[in-house]
Protein backbone atom coordinates (compact mmCIF):
# COMPACT_ATOMS: atom_id res chain seq x y z
CA MET A 1 123.21 168.39 -13.36
CA ASN A 2 123.90 170.85 -10.58
CA LEU A 3 122.90 169.30 -6.79
CA LYS A 4 122.90 172.57 -5.45
CA PHE A 5 119.18 173.65 -6.77
CA LEU A 6 117.64 170.24 -7.17
CA ILE A 7 118.10 168.79 -3.79
CA PRO A 8 115.82 172.13 -2.28
CA THR A 9 113.60 171.88 -4.94
CA LEU A 10 113.17 167.58 -3.87
CA ILE A 11 112.04 168.08 -0.89
CA LEU A 12 109.47 170.88 -1.90
CA ALA A 13 108.05 168.48 -3.66
CA LEU A 14 108.19 165.86 -1.20
CA ALA A 15 106.40 168.12 1.41
CA ALA A 16 103.84 169.16 -0.82
CA GLY A 17 103.31 165.73 -1.50
CA LEU A 18 104.58 164.96 -4.94
CA ALA A 19 106.68 162.26 -6.30
CA PRO A 20 110.03 163.33 -7.27
CA ASP A 21 108.88 163.79 -10.90
CA GLY A 22 106.06 165.81 -9.44
CA ALA A 23 103.23 163.61 -9.89
CA VAL A 24 100.57 163.71 -6.94
CA LYS A 25 100.98 161.11 -4.43
CA ALA A 26 98.04 159.02 -3.97
CA ALA A 27 96.83 158.46 -1.20
CA GLN A 28 96.01 154.82 -0.03
CA THR A 29 92.43 153.53 -0.46
CA ILE A 30 91.45 150.08 1.00
CA ASN A 31 87.95 148.72 0.51
CA ILE A 32 86.14 146.35 2.88
CA SER A 33 82.55 144.09 1.57
CA ALA A 34 80.07 143.68 3.99
CA GLN A 35 78.57 140.50 2.51
CA ASN A 36 77.12 137.56 3.95
CA PHE A 37 77.32 138.53 7.43
CA MET A 38 80.99 138.81 7.53
CA PHE A 39 83.47 141.77 6.66
CA SER A 40 86.00 140.63 4.55
CA PRO A 41 89.00 140.79 4.47
CA ALA A 42 88.21 140.54 8.40
CA THR A 43 92.05 141.92 9.34
CA ILE A 44 93.97 144.52 7.18
CA THR A 45 97.30 146.28 7.33
CA VAL A 46 97.35 150.02 6.23
CA LYS A 47 99.80 152.52 6.39
CA THR A 48 98.62 155.78 8.43
CA GLY A 49 96.72 158.35 6.46
CA ALA A 50 95.25 155.25 4.48
CA THR A 51 91.17 155.84 4.04
CA VAL A 52 89.00 152.67 5.11
CA THR A 53 85.77 152.39 2.57
CA TRP A 54 83.16 149.95 3.68
CA VAL A 55 80.58 148.43 1.34
CA ASN A 56 77.71 146.98 2.34
CA HIS A 57 77.07 144.25 -0.19
CA ASP A 58 74.00 142.82 1.62
CA GLU A 59 70.45 142.89 1.59
CA GLU A 60 70.64 143.27 5.28
CA PRO A 61 71.71 147.00 7.07
CA HIS A 62 75.07 147.08 8.54
CA THR A 63 76.69 149.99 10.85
CA ILE A 64 80.60 150.15 11.27
CA PHE A 65 81.25 150.95 14.89
CA SER A 66 84.81 151.41 16.60
CA ASP A 67 85.17 149.40 19.92
CA VAL A 68 86.41 152.45 21.15
CA GLY A 69 83.95 155.31 19.42
CA LEU A 70 86.44 156.58 17.22
CA PHE A 71 84.16 156.06 14.44
CA ARG A 72 80.64 155.10 13.51
CA SER A 73 78.18 154.64 10.45
CA SER A 74 74.32 154.96 10.20
CA ALA A 75 73.08 151.86 8.85
CA LEU A 76 74.38 151.31 5.64
CA ASP A 77 71.62 150.14 3.37
CA THR A 78 72.27 147.58 -0.21
CA ASN A 79 75.03 149.20 -1.76
CA GLU A 80 76.41 152.07 0.39
CA ARG A 81 78.99 152.93 2.03
CA PHE A 82 81.22 154.21 5.21
CA SER A 83 84.73 155.51 5.18
CA TYR A 84 87.41 156.69 7.52
CA THR A 85 90.92 157.52 7.42
CA PHE A 86 93.31 155.96 9.85
CA ASP A 87 95.33 159.19 11.04
CA LYS A 88 97.38 157.28 13.86
CA PRO A 89 99.49 154.11 14.06
CA GLY A 90 97.36 151.25 16.53
CA THR A 91 95.19 148.09 16.53
CA TYR A 92 91.72 149.46 15.73
CA HIS A 93 88.70 146.57 16.20
CA TYR A 94 85.14 147.54 14.79
CA ILE A 95 81.99 145.51 14.92
CA CYS A 96 78.39 145.63 13.08
CA THR A 97 76.25 147.09 16.11
CA ILE A 98 73.04 145.38 14.67
CA HIS A 99 75.12 141.74 13.96
CA PRO A 100 77.61 141.68 16.99
CA ARG A 101 79.58 138.75 14.98
CA MET A 102 80.43 140.45 12.38
CA THR A 103 83.53 142.06 13.47
CA GLY A 104 86.86 143.04 12.21
CA THR A 105 90.53 144.82 12.91
CA ILE A 106 92.97 147.21 10.68
CA ILE A 107 96.22 147.18 11.88
CA VAL A 108 97.59 150.93 11.04
CA GLU A 109 101.92 151.27 10.47
């Protein structure tokens, strides 16, 4: 095997978001349920670039609101979804503005 030609190919594949075998690397997607007036899981840790999707499983509407204004959903009715992609590491807190006791935390590594 000639490494002189293999190494540039691997570098290009990784830069293009491909695994060395040519498969596309899947982005991490995490689901959080709003159910029984709680977010579940209430705290999660994800990798930078992950997309978090909240799904309302209650009969009452819920919102997803970042305490620093980074993201904000409209009122989600039953089975509606809201997604946000976390591009930077950090700890992000959120609440339902309709039911402020509903809180959650996303830790991005």
